[in-house]
Amino acid sequence: MAQTVNECLTAALDSVSIIDGVKAGTRDVENMTQTKINEKVKRNVDHLEIILTYDGTNDMQPDIVGSSDTRKIDCSNAIITGQEYISANT
């Protein structure tokens, strides 16, 4: 069964939280190397980028592109934050 826009974006906020938490220093990454932290951030950035391309043409994906849900802004901002974090810590 396909996820709804709401379900998909609610799940996407987990990635937003991880990216924002790493950037703010509030996410527990104490025992991770910088390479592993960057990989974690990159996985979550990639996840958000994929979700924001969902256009409903696949029966298993909701139409995120056509949605007016404002959580898309949080996802877009987290992508930028994550990319900037990786660039600054490479």
N, C-alpha and C. Protein backbone atom coordinates (compact mmCIF):
# COMPACT_ATOMS: atom_id res chain seq x y z
N MET A 1 0.83 -1.18 0.00
CA MET A 1 0.00 0.00 0.00
C MET A 1 0.88 1.25 0.00
N ALA A 2 0.56 2.20 -0.81
CA ALA A 2 1.34 3.43 -0.93
C ALA A 2 1.14 4.33 0.29
N GLN A 3 2.18 5.03 0.61
CA GLN A 3 2.09 6.02 1.69
C GLN A 3 1.34 7.24 1.19
N THR A 4 0.72 7.93 2.12
CA THR A 4 0.10 9.21 1.78
C THR A 4 1.17 10.30 1.83
N VAL A 5 0.84 11.47 1.32
CA VAL A 5 1.75 12.61 1.41
C VAL A 5 2.08 12.87 2.88
N ASN A 6 1.07 12.86 3.73
CA ASN A 6 1.29 13.11 5.15
C ASN A 6 2.24 12.09 5.77
N GLU A 7 2.02 10.82 5.50
CA GLU A 7 2.88 9.78 6.05
C GLU A 7 4.32 9.91 5.56
N CYS A 8 4.45 10.20 4.30
CA CYS A 8 5.78 10.31 3.69
C CYS A 8 6.55 11.50 4.26
N LEU A 9 5.90 12.64 4.36
CA LEU A 9 6.58 13.82 4.88
C LEU A 9 6.80 13.74 6.39
N THR A 10 5.93 13.06 7.09
CA THR A 10 6.16 12.84 8.52
C THR A 10 7.43 12.01 8.71
N ALA A 11 7.58 10.97 7.92
CA ALA A 11 8.78 10.14 7.97
C ALA A 11 10.01 10.93 7.54
N ALA A 12 9.86 11.79 6.56
CA ALA A 12 10.98 12.59 6.08
C ALA A 12 11.52 13.52 7.17
N LEU A 13 10.65 13.93 8.07
CA LEU A 13 11.09 14.82 9.15
C LEU A 13 12.10 14.14 10.07
N ASP A 14 12.15 12.80 10.07
CA ASP A 14 13.21 12.11 10.80
C ASP A 14 14.58 12.46 10.21
N SER A 15 14.66 12.49 8.89
CA SER A 15 15.91 12.86 8.23
C SER A 15 16.25 14.32 8.51
N VAL A 16 15.24 15.17 8.49
CA VAL A 16 15.45 16.59 8.81
C VAL A 16 16.04 16.71 10.22
N SER A 17 15.47 15.97 11.15
CA SER A 17 15.92 16.01 12.54
C SER A 17 17.37 15.54 12.68
N ILE A 18 17.72 14.50 11.96
CA ILE A 18 19.10 14.00 12.02
C ILE A 18 20.06 15.03 11.47
N ILE A 19 19.77 15.58 10.31
CA ILE A 19 20.66 16.57 9.70
C ILE A 19 20.80 17.80 10.59
N ASP A 20 19.67 18.33 11.04
CA ASP A 20 19.71 19.52 11.89
C ASP A 20 20.41 19.25 13.22
N GLY A 21 20.20 18.05 13.77
CA GLY A 21 20.84 17.69 15.03
C GLY A 21 22.35 17.56 14.91
N VAL A 22 22.81 16.97 13.81
CA VAL A 22 24.25 16.87 13.60
C VAL A 22 24.85 18.26 13.46
N LYS A 23 24.22 19.09 12.67
CA LYS A 23 24.72 20.46 12.45
C LYS A 23 24.76 21.25 13.76
N ALA A 24 23.72 21.10 14.58
CA ALA A 24 23.63 21.86 15.84
C ALA A 24 24.49 21.25 16.95
N GLY A 25 25.00 20.04 16.73
CA GLY A 25 25.80 19.40 17.75
C GLY A 25 24.97 18.73 18.83
N THR A 26 23.68 18.56 18.58
CA THR A 26 22.81 17.94 19.56
C THR A 26 22.54 16.47 19.26
N ARG A 27 23.00 15.99 18.14
CA ARG A 27 22.83 14.59 17.76
C ARG A 27 24.04 13.83 18.26
N ASP A 28 23.84 12.69 18.90
CA ASP A 28 24.94 11.92 19.46
C ASP A 28 25.74 11.25 18.35
N VAL A 29 26.89 11.80 18.07
CA VAL A 29 27.81 11.23 17.08
C VAL A 29 29.22 11.12 17.68
N GLU A 30 29.26 11.11 19.00
CA GLU A 30 30.53 11.15 19.73
C GLU A 30 31.51 10.05 19.34
N ASN A 31 31.01 8.85 19.10
CA ASN A 31 31.91 7.73 18.80
C ASN A 31 32.05 7.48 17.30
N MET A 32 31.67 8.46 16.50
CA MET A 32 31.76 8.31 15.05
C MET A 32 32.89 9.16 14.49
N THR A 33 33.54 8.65 13.45
CA THR A 33 34.54 9.47 12.76
C THR A 33 33.81 10.51 11.93
N GLN A 34 34.52 11.54 11.53
CA GLN A 34 33.91 12.57 10.69
C GLN A 34 33.43 11.98 9.38
N THR A 35 34.16 11.02 8.85
CA THR A 35 33.74 10.37 7.61
C THR A 35 32.39 9.69 7.79
N LYS A 36 32.22 8.98 8.90
CA LYS A 36 30.95 8.29 9.18
C LYS A 36 29.82 9.29 9.42
N ILE A 37 30.13 10.38 10.09
CA ILE A 37 29.11 11.41 10.30
C ILE A 37 28.68 11.98 8.96
N ASN A 38 29.63 12.30 8.10
CA ASN A 38 29.31 12.83 6.78
C ASN A 38 28.48 11.85 5.97
N GLU A 39 28.81 10.56 6.07
CA GLU A 39 28.04 9.53 5.36
C GLU A 39 26.60 9.49 5.88
N LYS A 40 26.43 9.62 7.18
CA LYS A 40 25.09 9.63 7.78
C LYS A 40 24.29 10.83 7.27
N VAL A 41 24.92 11.99 7.27
CA VAL A 41 24.25 13.19 6.77
C VAL A 41 23.92 13.03 5.29
N LYS A 42 24.84 12.50 4.52
CA LYS A 42 24.63 12.32 3.08
C LYS A 42 23.47 11.37 2.80
N ARG A 43 23.37 10.27 3.55
CA ARG A 43 22.26 9.33 3.36
C ARG A 43 20.92 10.03 3.59
N ASN A 44 20.88 10.88 4.58
CA ASN A 44 19.63 11.58 4.89
C ASN A 44 19.33 12.68 3.88
N VAL A 45 20.35 13.35 3.39
CA VAL A 45 20.17 14.33 2.31
C VAL A 45 19.63 13.61 1.07
N ASP A 46 20.25 12.49 0.72
CA ASP A 46 19.81 11.73 -0.44
C ASP A 46 18.35 11.30 -0.29
N HIS A 47 17.99 10.84 0.90
CA HIS A 47 16.62 10.41 1.18
C HIS A 47 15.64 11.55 0.93
N LEU A 48 15.96 12.72 1.44
CA LEU A 48 15.07 13.88 1.26
C LEU A 48 14.97 14.29 -0.20
N GLU A 49 16.10 14.27 -0.89
CA GLU A 49 16.08 14.63 -2.32
C GLU A 49 15.18 13.69 -3.11
N ILE A 50 15.24 12.41 -2.79
CA ILE A 50 14.39 11.44 -3.48
C ILE A 50 12.92 11.69 -3.18
N ILE A 51 12.60 11.85 -1.91
CA ILE A 51 11.21 12.07 -1.51
C ILE A 51 10.62 13.31 -2.20
N LEU A 52 11.40 14.36 -2.30
CA LEU A 52 10.89 15.59 -2.92
C LEU A 52 10.65 15.46 -4.41
N THR A 53 11.12 14.36 -5.02
CA THR A 53 10.85 14.13 -6.45
C THR A 53 9.61 13.28 -6.68
N TYR A 54 9.03 12.72 -5.64
CA TYR A 54 7.83 11.89 -5.80
C TYR A 54 6.73 12.71 -6.45
N ASP A 55 6.25 12.23 -7.58
CA ASP A 55 5.23 13.00 -8.30
C ASP A 55 3.93 12.22 -8.49
N GLY A 56 3.82 11.09 -7.83
CA GLY A 56 2.59 10.32 -7.89
C GLY A 56 2.44 9.44 -9.11
N THR A 57 3.41 9.44 -10.00
CA THR A 57 3.30 8.61 -11.21
C THR A 57 3.53 7.14 -10.90
N ASN A 58 4.21 6.86 -9.82
CA ASN A 58 4.42 5.50 -9.36
C ASN A 58 3.33 5.20 -8.34
N ASP A 59 2.65 4.09 -8.48
CA ASP A 59 1.55 3.74 -7.57
C ASP A 59 1.97 3.65 -6.11
N MET A 60 3.24 3.47 -5.86
CA MET A 60 3.72 3.33 -4.49
C MET A 60 4.20 4.64 -3.89
N GLN A 61 4.14 5.72 -4.64
CA GLN A 61 4.64 7.01 -4.16
C GLN A 61 3.55 8.08 -4.26
N PRO A 62 3.38 8.85 -3.20
CA PRO A 62 2.40 9.93 -3.25
C PRO A 62 2.93 11.10 -4.08
N ASP A 63 2.05 12.03 -4.39
CA ASP A 63 2.43 13.21 -5.17
C ASP A 63 2.95 14.31 -4.24
N ILE A 64 4.22 14.20 -3.90
CA ILE A 64 4.86 15.21 -3.05
C ILE A 64 5.08 16.49 -3.86
N VAL A 65 5.49 16.35 -5.10
CA VAL A 65 5.75 17.51 -5.96
C VAL A 65 4.52 18.42 -6.04
N GLY A 66 3.36 17.84 -6.23
CA GLY A 66 2.14 18.61 -6.38
C GLY A 66 1.48 19.02 -5.07
N SER A 67 2.06 18.59 -3.97
CA SER A 67 1.48 18.88 -2.66
C SER A 67 1.82 20.30 -2.22
N SER A 68 0.91 20.91 -1.49
CA SER A 68 1.17 22.24 -0.92
C SER A 68 1.64 22.14 0.53
N ASP A 69 1.97 20.95 0.99
CA ASP A 69 2.40 20.73 2.37
C ASP A 69 3.67 21.54 2.65
N THR A 70 3.62 22.35 3.67
CA THR A 70 4.75 23.24 3.98
C THR A 70 5.96 22.51 4.55
N ARG A 71 5.79 21.25 4.92
CA ARG A 71 6.95 20.49 5.40
C ARG A 71 7.98 20.26 4.30
N LYS A 72 7.59 20.46 3.06
CA LYS A 72 8.55 20.36 1.96
C LYS A 72 9.64 21.42 2.14
N ILE A 73 9.28 22.56 2.69
CA ILE A 73 10.26 23.62 2.94
C ILE A 73 11.29 23.16 3.95
N ASP A 74 10.84 22.49 5.02
CA ASP A 74 11.77 21.96 6.02
C ASP A 74 12.71 20.95 5.38
N CYS A 75 12.20 20.13 4.50
CA CYS A 75 13.03 19.14 3.81
C CYS A 75 14.06 19.83 2.92
N SER A 76 13.63 20.82 2.17
CA SER A 76 14.55 21.55 1.28
C SER A 76 15.63 22.26 2.08
N ASN A 77 15.24 22.87 3.18
CA ASN A 77 16.22 23.55 4.03
C ASN A 77 17.22 22.57 4.63
N ALA A 78 16.75 21.39 5.02
CA ALA A 78 17.64 20.38 5.59
C ALA A 78 18.62 19.86 4.53
N ILE A 79 18.18 19.77 3.30
CA ILE A 79 19.09 19.36 2.22
C ILE A 79 20.24 20.36 2.11
N ILE A 80 19.91 21.63 2.10
CA ILE A 80 20.94 22.68 2.03
C ILE A 80 21.85 22.62 3.24
N THR A 81 21.26 22.49 4.42
CA THR A 81 22.04 22.41 5.66
C THR A 81 22.99 21.22 5.60
N GLY A 82 22.50 20.08 5.18
CA GLY A 82 23.32 18.88 5.10
C GLY A 82 24.47 19.02 4.10
N GLN A 83 24.16 19.58 2.95
CA GLN A 83 25.20 19.78 1.93
C GLN A 83 26.27 20.74 2.44
N GLU A 84 25.85 21.80 3.10
CA GLU A 84 26.81 22.76 3.65
C GLU A 84 27.64 22.13 4.75
N TYR A 85 27.01 21.31 5.58
CA TYR A 85 27.74 20.63 6.66
C TYR A 85 28.82 19.72 6.09
N ILE A 86 28.44 18.93 5.10
CA ILE A 86 29.42 18.01 4.49
C ILE A 86 30.56 18.79 3.86
N SER A 87 30.24 19.86 3.14
CA SER A 87 31.29 20.67 2.51
C SER A 87 32.24 21.26 3.54
N ALA A 88 31.71 21.68 4.67
CA ALA A 88 32.53 22.31 5.71
C ALA A 88 33.34 21.29 6.51
N ASN A 89 32.97 20.03 6.41
CA ASN A 89 33.62 19.00 7.23
C ASN A 89 34.22 17.87 6.41
N THR A 90 34.67 18.21 5.22
CA THR A 90 35.31 17.22 4.34
C THR A 90 36.80 17.40 4.39
